[in-house]
Amino acid sequence: LQFQLIILCNIQIPHASANIESDRKRKKTPADRPEKHKKQTKMSSTSSTSDKVRASHILIKHQGSRRKASWKDPEGRVISATTRATAASQLKSLRDDIVSGKVKFADVASRHSDCSSAKRGGDLGSFGRGQMQKPFEEATYGLKVGEISDIVDTDSGVHIIMRTA
């Protein structure tokens, strides 16, 4: 009886290892990873191209901003000395100039924004829900294409946002 069991095992082991080998060579499908597939499907649906927006913004940092440095102020000296009220006032004035047609949004962003997107005229590109800070996201999705927001507060500072798509 023991002898037969050993022979049986010897026959089955190579067969099992052949299946393991072929499984390793076979490409995995989403069905092989149901948990991961569900996660990927969920993520892709939250940022599908139909639910994406495109926006440009102008950011003015202040002493309450989470990171007190920018391309304009690498040591953060000016930012650390700027109150939220001062930043908002400056941004309101810039917004008024843009809305009145005196200046173009991209030109103002290039000169005044504390965000590195300034080199692209404030253009942030396309993004979906969950990719930006909540107040920024809500403001952007609430705008019509071409519309400019009022002042929006985030942990980064104060912004005005122009939805471009």
Protein backbone atom coordinates (compact mmCIF):
# COMPACT_ATOMS: atom_id res chain seq x y z
CA LEU A 1 0.00 0.00 0.00
CA GLN A 2 2.82 2.41 0.85
CA PHE A 3 4.58 1.52 -2.37
CA GLN A 4 1.51 2.30 -4.46
CA LEU A 5 1.04 5.65 -2.74
CA ILE A 6 4.61 6.66 -3.53
CA ILE A 7 4.22 5.74 -7.18
CA LEU A 8 0.98 7.64 -7.37
CA CYS A 9 2.63 10.72 -5.88
CA ASN A 10 5.52 10.49 -8.28
CA ILE A 11 3.14 10.47 -11.19
CA GLN A 12 1.10 13.40 -9.95
CA ILE A 13 3.93 15.69 -8.88
CA PRO A 14 5.43 16.21 -12.35
CA HIS A 15 1.92 16.73 -13.73
CA ALA A 16 1.16 19.34 -11.04
CA SER A 17 4.46 21.10 -11.60
CA ALA A 18 3.78 21.19 -15.34
CA ASN A 19 0.52 22.98 -14.61
CA ILE A 20 2.31 25.40 -12.33
CA GLU A 21 4.92 26.02 -15.02
CA SER A 22 2.29 26.66 -17.69
CA ASP A 23 0.39 28.95 -15.28
CA ARG A 24 3.55 31.00 -14.79
CA LYS A 25 3.99 31.40 -18.54
CA ARG A 26 0.34 32.24 -19.17
CA LYS A 27 -0.54 35.93 -19.06
CA LYS A 28 -2.73 36.86 -16.12
CA THR A 29 -6.16 38.21 -16.85
CA PRO A 30 -8.35 40.41 -14.65
CA ALA A 31 -10.34 37.27 -13.78
CA ASP A 32 -7.19 35.86 -12.16
CA ARG A 33 -7.07 38.92 -9.88
CA PRO A 34 -10.65 39.82 -9.07
CA GLU A 35 -9.72 42.19 -6.21
CA LYS A 36 -7.23 44.12 -8.31
CA HIS A 37 -9.59 44.23 -11.29
CA LYS A 38 -12.36 45.74 -9.19
CA LYS A 39 -9.98 48.38 -7.88
CA GLN A 40 -8.74 49.26 -11.39
CA THR A 41 -12.28 49.47 -12.73
CA LYS A 42 -13.29 51.74 -9.88
CA MET A 43 -10.27 54.03 -10.38
CA SER A 44 -10.73 54.26 -14.12
CA SER A 45 -14.39 55.13 -13.74
CA THR A 46 -13.61 57.98 -11.34
CA SER A 47 -11.23 59.58 -13.78
CA SER A 48 -12.71 58.62 -17.12
CA THR A 49 -12.07 61.04 -19.92
CA SER A 50 -15.73 62.05 -20.01
CA ASP A 51 -15.56 63.18 -16.38
CA LYS A 52 -12.30 65.10 -16.70
CA VAL A 53 -11.94 68.85 -16.75
CA ARG A 54 -9.10 71.11 -17.76
CA ALA A 55 -8.21 74.28 -15.93
CA SER A 56 -5.67 77.01 -15.44
CA HIS A 57 -5.16 78.82 -12.18
CA ILE A 58 -3.30 81.56 -10.42
CA LEU A 59 -2.06 80.70 -6.95
CA ILE A 60 -0.96 83.22 -4.37
CA LYS A 61 0.65 81.62 -1.35
CA HIS A 62 0.55 83.14 2.13
CA GLN A 63 1.79 82.45 5.64
CA GLY A 64 -0.96 79.85 6.13
CA SER A 65 0.03 77.87 3.03
CA ARG A 66 1.29 74.35 3.63
CA ARG A 67 4.48 74.94 1.65
CA LYS A 68 5.98 78.39 2.03
CA ALA A 69 8.20 78.44 -1.03
CA SER A 70 7.66 78.84 -4.74
CA TRP A 71 9.58 79.32 -7.95
CA LYS A 72 9.32 83.10 -7.34
CA ASP A 73 10.26 82.90 -3.67
CA PRO A 74 12.46 79.82 -3.10
CA GLU A 75 13.26 80.72 0.53
CA GLY A 76 9.65 81.67 1.23
CA ARG A 77 10.51 85.07 2.73
CA VAL A 78 7.75 86.99 0.94
CA ILE A 79 5.22 84.16 1.35
CA SER A 80 5.90 83.90 5.10
CA ALA A 81 5.27 87.64 5.46
CA THR A 82 2.06 87.63 3.38
CA THR A 83 -1.24 87.33 5.21
CA ARG A 84 -4.17 85.47 3.70
CA ALA A 85 -6.07 88.78 3.46
CA THR A 86 -3.21 90.41 1.53
CA ALA A 87 -2.94 87.44 -0.84
CA ALA A 88 -6.71 87.45 -1.43
CA SER A 89 -6.71 91.20 -2.05
CA GLN A 90 -3.89 90.89 -4.59
CA LEU A 91 -5.68 88.03 -6.31
CA LYS A 92 -8.99 89.94 -6.41
CA SER A 93 -7.24 92.85 -8.10
CA LEU A 94 -5.64 90.51 -10.65
CA ARG A 95 -9.01 88.85 -11.28
CA ASP A 96 -10.66 92.25 -11.86
CA ASP A 97 -7.99 93.12 -14.45
CA ILE A 98 -8.53 89.78 -16.25
CA VAL A 99 -12.33 90.02 -16.24
CA SER A 100 -12.23 93.62 -17.50
CA GLY A 101 -10.05 92.53 -20.41
CA LYS A 102 -7.03 94.66 -19.43
CA VAL A 103 -4.81 91.58 -19.24
CA LYS A 104 -4.89 87.94 -20.29
CA PHE A 105 -5.22 85.16 -17.72
CA ALA A 106 -2.13 83.30 -18.99
CA ASP A 107 0.02 86.44 -18.85
CA VAL A 108 -1.00 87.17 -15.25
CA ALA A 109 -0.43 83.54 -14.25
CA SER A 110 3.03 83.56 -15.83
CA ARG A 111 4.08 86.61 -13.81
CA HIS A 112 2.18 86.30 -10.54
CA SER A 113 1.28 82.68 -9.78
CA ASP A 114 3.29 80.89 -7.09
CA CYS A 115 2.58 77.55 -8.79
CA SER A 116 5.11 75.98 -11.14
CA SER A 117 2.28 75.88 -13.72
CA ALA A 118 3.07 79.60 -14.20
CA LYS A 119 5.55 78.61 -16.92
CA ARG A 120 2.53 77.21 -18.83
CA GLY A 121 0.34 80.25 -18.24
CA GLY A 122 -1.24 78.52 -15.25
CA ASP A 123 -2.38 75.49 -17.27
CA LEU A 124 -2.80 72.43 -15.06
CA GLY A 125 -3.88 70.13 -17.88
CA SER A 126 -6.76 67.67 -17.52
CA PHE A 127 -7.70 66.05 -14.24
CA GLY A 128 -10.49 63.99 -12.81
CA ARG A 129 -12.31 63.86 -9.52
CA GLY A 130 -10.15 63.04 -6.53
CA GLN A 131 -6.95 64.40 -8.06
CA MET A 132 -7.04 67.91 -6.62
CA GLN A 133 -7.75 69.33 -3.20
CA LYS A 134 -11.50 69.19 -2.56
CA PRO A 135 -12.24 72.97 -2.62
CA PHE A 136 -10.27 73.32 -5.87
CA GLU A 137 -12.06 70.36 -7.45
CA GLU A 138 -15.51 71.56 -6.41
CA ALA A 139 -14.86 75.06 -7.73
CA THR A 140 -13.51 73.78 -11.05
CA TYR A 141 -16.36 71.34 -11.67
CA GLY A 142 -18.79 74.12 -10.77
CA LEU A 143 -17.48 76.40 -13.53
CA LYS A 144 -18.55 76.52 -17.15
CA VAL A 145 -15.81 76.40 -19.79
CA GLY A 146 -14.27 79.88 -20.06
CA GLU A 147 -15.60 80.99 -16.68
CA ILE A 148 -13.31 82.30 -13.92
CA SER A 149 -13.93 81.47 -10.27
CA ASP A 150 -14.04 83.77 -7.32
CA ILE A 151 -11.24 83.28 -4.81
CA VAL A 152 -10.83 79.64 -3.76
CA ASP A 153 -9.03 78.72 -0.53
CA THR A 154 -6.99 75.50 -0.27
CA ASP A 155 -4.11 74.31 1.88
CA SER A 156 -1.81 75.59 -0.88
CA GLY A 157 -3.04 79.20 -0.73
CA VAL A 158 -5.65 81.25 -2.57
CA HIS A 159 -6.50 80.67 -6.22
CA ILE A 160 -8.58 81.90 -9.05
CA ILE A 161 -9.42 79.17 -11.54
CA MET A 162 -10.39 79.34 -15.18
CA ARG A 163 -11.98 76.20 -16.57
CA THR A 164 -10.68 75.61 -20.09
CA ALA A 165 -12.39 72.30 -20.98
